[in-house]
Protein backbone atom coordinates (compact mmCIF):
# COMPACT_ATOMS: atom_id res chain seq x y z
CA UNK A 1 -6.74 -4.54 -9.71
CA UNK A 2 -3.85 -6.45 -8.21
CA UNK A 3 -1.77 -4.51 -5.69
CA UNK A 4 1.89 -5.42 -5.46
CA UNK A 5 2.93 -4.26 -2.01
CA UNK A 6 6.64 -4.36 -2.90
CA UNK A 7 6.07 -1.99 -5.81
CA UNK A 8 3.93 0.33 -3.69
CA UNK A 9 6.45 0.39 -0.85
CA UNK A 10 9.39 0.99 -3.17
CA UNK A 11 7.63 3.70 -5.18
CA UNK A 12 6.43 5.45 -2.02
CA UNK A 13 9.94 5.50 -0.60
CA UNK A 14 11.40 6.80 -3.87
CA UNK A 15 8.85 9.60 -4.07
CA UNK A 16 9.39 10.56 -0.43
CA UNK A 17 13.16 10.74 -0.79
CA UNK A 18 13.59 11.95 -4.36
CA UNK A 19 10.36 13.68 -5.33
CA UNK A 20 10.10 14.34 -9.08
CA UNK A 21 13.42 12.54 -9.71
CA UNK A 22 11.85 9.22 -8.73
CA UNK A 23 10.16 8.94 -12.12
CA UNK A 24 13.33 9.68 -14.04
CA UNK A 25 15.39 7.22 -12.02
CA UNK A 26 12.84 4.43 -12.36
CA UNK A 27 12.59 5.08 -16.11
CA UNK A 28 16.39 4.86 -16.51
CA UNK A 29 16.46 1.63 -14.54
CA UNK A 30 13.61 0.25 -16.68
CA UNK A 31 15.52 1.02 -19.88
CA UNK A 32 18.71 -0.56 -18.53
CA UNK A 33 16.93 -3.76 -17.55
CA UNK A 34 15.00 -3.95 -20.80
CA UNK A 35 18.24 -3.61 -22.74
CA UNK A 36 19.76 -6.37 -20.62
CA UNK A 37 16.72 -8.54 -21.44
CA UNK A 38 15.82 -8.92 -17.77
CA UNK A 39 12.07 -8.91 -18.32
CA UNK A 40 10.98 -9.72 -14.78
CA UNK A 41 13.01 -6.89 -13.23
CA UNK A 42 11.93 -4.55 -16.04
CA UNK A 43 8.28 -5.31 -15.26
CA UNK A 44 8.91 -4.45 -11.60
CA UNK A 45 10.50 -1.09 -12.49
CA UNK A 46 7.72 -0.34 -14.99
CA UNK A 47 5.21 -0.77 -12.16
CA UNK A 48 7.38 1.35 -9.85
CA UNK A 49 7.52 4.11 -12.48
CA UNK A 50 3.73 4.13 -12.99
CA UNK A 51 3.06 4.02 -9.25
CA UNK A 52 5.52 6.88 -8.67
CA UNK A 53 3.75 8.95 -11.32
CA UNK A 54 0.40 8.29 -9.64
CA UNK A 55 1.73 9.12 -6.18
CA UNK A 56 3.24 12.39 -7.40
CA UNK A 57 0.01 13.32 -9.17
CA UNK A 58 -1.95 12.71 -5.97
CA UNK A 59 0.57 14.61 -3.87
CA UNK A 60 0.88 17.69 -6.10
CA UNK A 61 -2.53 19.26 -5.30
CA UNK A 62 -1.88 18.75 -1.59
CA UNK A 63 1.36 20.72 -1.79
CA UNK A 64 -0.16 23.74 -3.50
CA UNK A 65 -0.98 26.57 -1.11
CA UNK A 66 -4.69 27.15 -0.58
CA UNK A 67 -6.09 30.17 -2.41
CA UNK A 68 -6.76 33.15 -0.19
CA UNK A 69 -10.28 34.51 -0.41
CA UNK A 70 -9.85 37.59 1.77
CA UNK A 71 -6.79 39.39 3.06
CA UNK A 72 -5.92 38.89 6.71
CA UNK A 73 -4.65 42.43 7.29
CA UNK A 74 -5.80 45.66 5.63
CA UNK A 75 -3.51 47.07 2.96
CA UNK A 76 -0.78 49.40 4.18
CA UNK A 77 -2.17 52.39 2.20
CA UNK A 78 -5.54 52.23 3.99
CA UNK A 79 -3.86 52.02 7.41
CA UNK A 80 -1.63 55.02 6.62
CA UNK A 81 -4.53 57.19 5.44
CA UNK A 82 -6.70 56.33 8.48
CA UNK A 83 -4.15 57.66 10.99
CA UNK A 84 -3.96 61.43 11.47
CA UNK A 85 -0.59 63.03 10.89
CA UNK A 86 0.95 64.49 14.01
CA UNK A 87 4.06 66.61 14.32
């Protein structure tokens, strides 16, 4: 697999700054350049779009909060019932 460092750098920067919008923006740019018959630039943006999709897919599981297996503090109801009522 050939790695184009320009594509990787550009896609990484887009994803960092724009998040999910990076894919949409690169797709719009790809369509514009394809319509203008600029095949070399369109190929670059196609690679940027695919790399952005891959980067976002790799980043998404890392952003999800880890599942909690046990509560840190006891529920409020159990704390209230354990304390004797004083007047």
